[in-house]
Amino acid sequence: MLRPELLKAFIIAAETGSFSAAARQLGKHLTTISGNIARLEDELG
């Protein structure tokens, strides 16, 4: 099952156009957003 925080990171990154902007909007570190996207990719294959 996909975790909501992974999907949220992906959606915000897509909407803002960058991982950096997503990190700022979500109040997270860039490495956290990047890691979340990588985990989502792994889970989806």
PDB file of N, CA and C in Angstrom:
ATOM      1  N   MET A   1       0.836  -1.191   0.000  1.00  0.00           N
ATOM      2  CA  MET A   1       0.000   0.000   0.000  1.00  0.00           C
ATOM      3  C   MET A   1       0.876   1.248   0.000  1.00  0.00           C
ATOM      4  N   LEU A   2       0.513   2.204  -0.822  1.00  0.00           N
ATOM      5  CA  LEU A   2       1.279   3.438  -0.914  1.00  0.00           C
ATOM      6  C   LEU A   2       1.011   4.329   0.289  1.00  0.00           C
ATOM      7  N   ARG A   3       2.082   4.902   0.791  1.00  0.00           N
ATOM      8  CA  ARG A   3       1.937   5.799   1.938  1.00  0.00           C
ATOM      9  C   ARG A   3       1.556   7.200   1.463  1.00  0.00           C
ATOM     10  N   PRO A   4       0.604   7.831   2.124  1.00  0.00           N
ATOM     11  CA  PRO A   4       0.130   9.153   1.705  1.00  0.00           C
ATOM     12  C   PRO A   4       1.233  10.205   1.605  1.00  0.00           C
ATOM     13  N   GLU A   5       2.219  10.166   2.503  1.00  0.00           N
ATOM     14  CA  GLU A   5       3.267  11.190   2.465  1.00  0.00           C
ATOM     15  C   GLU A   5       4.132  11.081   1.206  1.00  0.00           C
ATOM     16  N   LEU A   6       4.259   9.871   0.664  1.00  0.00           N
ATOM     17  CA  LEU A   6       5.013   9.699  -0.579  1.00  0.00           C
ATOM     18  C   LEU A   6       4.247  10.298  -1.747  1.00  0.00           C
ATOM     19  N   LEU A   7       2.962  10.031  -1.785  1.00  0.00           N
ATOM     20  CA  LEU A   7       2.130  10.596  -2.846  1.00  0.00           C
ATOM     21  C   LEU A   7       2.058  12.114  -2.750  1.00  0.00           C
ATOM     22  N   LYS A   8       1.961  12.616  -1.535  1.00  0.00           N
ATOM     23  CA  LYS A   8       1.895  14.066  -1.339  1.00  0.00           C
ATOM     24  C   LYS A   8       3.183  14.732  -1.832  1.00  0.00           C
ATOM     25  N   ALA A   9       4.316  14.142  -1.523  1.00  0.00           N
ATOM     26  CA  ALA A   9       5.594  14.697  -1.991  1.00  0.00           C
ATOM     27  C   ALA A   9       5.634  14.733  -3.514  1.00  0.00           C
ATOM     28  N   PHE A  10       5.161  13.659  -4.142  1.00  0.00           N
ATOM     29  CA  PHE A  10       5.142  13.602  -5.596  1.00  0.00           C
ATOM     30  C   PHE A  10       4.215  14.666  -6.187  1.00  0.00           C
ATOM     31  N   ILE A  11       3.026  14.775  -5.638  1.00  0.00           N
ATOM     32  CA  ILE A  11       2.043  15.730  -6.167  1.00  0.00           C
ATOM     33  C   ILE A  11       2.551  17.160  -6.045  1.00  0.00           C
ATOM     34  N   ILE A  12       3.079  17.504  -4.882  1.00  0.00           N
ATOM     35  CA  ILE A  12       3.581  18.871  -4.678  1.00  0.00           C
ATOM     36  C   ILE A  12       4.782  19.139  -5.575  1.00  0.00           C
ATOM     37  N   ALA A  13       5.667  18.163  -5.733  1.00  0.00           N
ATOM     38  CA  ALA A  13       6.818  18.341  -6.632  1.00  0.00           C
ATOM     39  C   ALA A  13       6.347  18.550  -8.069  1.00  0.00           C
ATOM     40  N   ALA A  14       5.333  17.799  -8.479  1.00  0.00           N
ATOM     41  CA  ALA A  14       4.803  17.960  -9.838  1.00  0.00           C
ATOM     42  C   ALA A  14       4.143  19.331 -10.005  1.00  0.00           C
ATOM     43  N   GLU A  15       3.412  19.749  -9.008  1.00  0.00           N
ATOM     44  CA  GLU A  15       2.720  21.043  -9.090  1.00  0.00           C
ATOM     45  C   GLU A  15       3.686  22.217  -9.086  1.00  0.00           C
ATOM     46  N   THR A  16       4.739  22.112  -8.269  1.00  0.00           N
ATOM     47  CA  THR A  16       5.681  23.232  -8.151  1.00  0.00           C
ATOM     48  C   THR A  16       6.792  23.170  -9.197  1.00  0.00           C
ATOM     49  N   GLY A  17       7.022  21.988  -9.744  1.00  0.00           N
ATOM     50  CA  GLY A  17       8.041  21.849 -10.781  1.00  0.00           C
ATOM     51  C   GLY A  17       9.424  21.509 -10.281  1.00  0.00           C
ATOM     52  N   SER A  18       9.580  21.364  -8.966  1.00  0.00           N
ATOM     53  CA  SER A  18      10.905  20.993  -8.458  1.00  0.00           C
ATOM     54  C   SER A  18      10.813  20.391  -7.063  1.00  0.00           C
ATOM     55  N   PHE A  19      11.814  19.580  -6.753  1.00  0.00           N
ATOM     56  CA  PHE A  19      11.896  19.001  -5.420  1.00  0.00           C
ATOM     57  C   PHE A  19      12.178  20.091  -4.392  1.00  0.00           C
ATOM     58  N   SER A  20      12.994  21.069  -4.758  1.00  0.00           N
ATOM     59  CA  SER A  20      13.336  22.157  -3.825  1.00  0.00           C
ATOM     60  C   SER A  20      12.093  22.949  -3.424  1.00  0.00           C
ATOM     61  N   ALA A  21      11.281  23.297  -4.403  1.00  0.00           N
ATOM     62  CA  ALA A  21      10.061  24.053  -4.113  1.00  0.00           C
ATOM     63  C   ALA A  21       9.093  23.215  -3.286  1.00  0.00           C
ATOM     64  N   ALA A  22       9.016  21.932  -3.584  1.00  0.00           N
ATOM     65  CA  ALA A  22       8.151  21.045  -2.803  1.00  0.00           C
ATOM     66  C   ALA A  22       8.627  20.982  -1.355  1.00  0.00           C
ATOM     67  N   ALA A  23       9.933  20.887  -1.164  1.00  0.00           N
ATOM     68  CA  ALA A  23      10.488  20.841   0.189  1.00  0.00           C
ATOM     69  C   ALA A  23      10.134  22.113   0.958  1.00  0.00           C
ATOM     70  N   ARG A  24      10.292  23.263   0.313  1.00  0.00           N
ATOM     71  CA  ARG A  24       9.939  24.526   0.972  1.00  0.00           C
ATOM     72  C   ARG A  24       8.458  24.566   1.327  1.00  0.00           C
ATOM     73  N   GLN A  25       7.606  24.170   0.400  1.00  0.00           N
ATOM     74  CA  GLN A  25       6.164  24.220   0.637  1.00  0.00           C
ATOM     75  C   GLN A  25       5.733  23.268   1.745  1.00  0.00           C
ATOM     76  N   LEU A  26       6.356  22.104   1.803  1.00  0.00           N
ATOM     77  CA  LEU A  26       5.991  21.109   2.807  1.00  0.00           C
ATOM     78  C   LEU A  26       6.749  21.279   4.122  1.00  0.00           C
ATOM     79  N   GLY A  27       7.723  22.175   4.147  1.00  0.00           N
ATOM     80  CA  GLY A  27       8.511  22.381   5.361  1.00  0.00           C
ATOM     81  C   GLY A  27       9.423  21.214   5.673  1.00  0.00           C
ATOM     82  N   LYS A  28       9.927  20.566   4.618  1.00  0.00           N
ATOM     83  CA  LYS A  28      10.801  19.401   4.764  1.00  0.00           C
ATOM     84  C   LYS A  28      12.158  19.697   4.132  1.00  0.00           C
ATOM     85  N   HIS A  29      13.130  18.862   4.416  1.00  0.00           N
ATOM     86  CA  HIS A  29      14.432  18.968   3.778  1.00  0.00           C
ATOM     87  C   HIS A  29      14.347  18.410   2.361  1.00  0.00           C
ATOM     88  N   LEU A  30      15.169  18.944   1.484  1.00  0.00           N
ATOM     89  CA  LEU A  30      15.222  18.467   0.104  1.00  0.00           C
ATOM     90  C   LEU A  30      15.521  16.975   0.061  1.00  0.00           C
ATOM     91  N   THR A  31      16.411  16.499   0.917  1.00  0.00           N
ATOM     92  CA  THR A  31      16.745  15.071   0.927  1.00  0.00           C
ATOM     93  C   THR A  31      15.548  14.208   1.320  1.00  0.00           C
ATOM     94  N   THR A  32      14.673  14.737   2.159  1.00  0.00           N
ATOM     95  CA  THR A  32      13.466  14.004   2.540  1.00  0.00           C
ATOM     96  C   THR A  32      12.542  13.853   1.335  1.00  0.00           C
ATOM     97  N   ILE A  33      12.335  14.929   0.603  1.00  0.00           N
ATOM     98  CA  ILE A  33      11.472  14.883  -0.579  1.00  0.00           C
ATOM     99  C   ILE A  33      12.070  13.955  -1.628  1.00  0.00           C
ATOM    100  N   SER A  34      13.343  14.087  -1.863  1.00  0.00           N
ATOM    101  CA  SER A  34      14.026  13.230  -2.839  1.00  0.00           C
ATOM    102  C   SER A  34      13.906  11.760  -2.443  1.00  0.00           C
ATOM    103  N   GLY A  35      14.105  11.472  -1.181  1.00  0.00           N
ATOM    104  CA  GLY A  35      13.988  10.106  -0.677  1.00  0.00           C
ATOM    105  C   GLY A  35      12.572   9.573  -0.798  1.00  0.00           C
ATOM    106  N   ASN A  36      11.590  10.436  -0.521  1.00  0.00           N
ATOM    107  CA  ASN A  36      10.192  10.015  -0.652  1.00  0.00           C
ATOM    108  C   ASN A  36       9.859   9.662  -2.094  1.00  0.00           C
ATOM    109  N   ILE A  37      10.335  10.465  -3.020  1.00  0.00           N
ATOM    110  CA  ILE A  37      10.079  10.191  -4.438  1.00  0.00           C
ATOM    111  C   ILE A  37      10.774   8.892  -4.854  1.00  0.00           C
ATOM    112  N   ALA A  38      11.990   8.678  -4.376  1.00  0.00           N
ATOM    113  CA  ALA A  38      12.718   7.444  -4.699  1.00  0.00           C
ATOM    114  C   ALA A  38      11.977   6.222  -4.144  1.00  0.00           C
ATOM    115  N   ARG A  39      11.456   6.323  -2.915  1.00  0.00           N
ATOM    116  CA  ARG A  39      10.694   5.213  -2.329  1.00  0.00           C
ATOM    117  C   ARG A  39       9.410   4.957  -3.117  1.00  0.00           C
ATOM    118  N   LEU A  40       8.763   6.022  -3.553  1.00  0.00           N
ATOM    119  CA  LEU A  40       7.561   5.865  -4.356  1.00  0.00           C
ATOM    120  C   LEU A  40       7.883   5.150  -5.667  1.00  0.00           C
ATOM    121  N   GLU A  41       8.966   5.538  -6.307  1.00  0.00           N
ATOM    122  CA  GLU A  41       9.401   4.869  -7.536  1.00  0.00           C
ATOM    123  C   GLU A  41       9.659   3.391  -7.291  1.00  0.00           C
ATOM    124  N   ASP A  42      10.332   3.088  -6.191  1.00  0.00           N
ATOM    125  CA  ASP A  42      10.618   1.675  -5.862  1.00  0.00           C
ATOM    126  C   ASP A  42       9.328   0.889  -5.646  1.00  0.00           C
ATOM    127  N   GLU A  43       8.392   1.488  -4.922  1.00  0.00           N
ATOM    128  CA  GLU A  43       7.133   0.797  -4.627  1.00  0.00           C
ATOM    129  C   GLU A  43       6.293   0.571  -5.888  1.00  0.00           C
ATOM    130  N   LEU A  44       6.387   1.515  -6.826  1.00  0.00           N
ATOM    131  CA  LEU A  44       5.609   1.397  -8.057  1.00  0.00           C
ATOM    132  C   LEU A  44       6.308   0.602  -9.146  1.00  0.00           C
ATOM    133  N   GLY A  45       7.594   0.346  -8.930  1.00  0.00           N
ATOM    134  CA  GLY A  45       8.366  -0.419  -9.905  1.00  0.00           C
ATOM    135  C   GLY A  45       8.796   0.431 -11.038  1.00  0.00           C
TER     136      GLY A  45
END
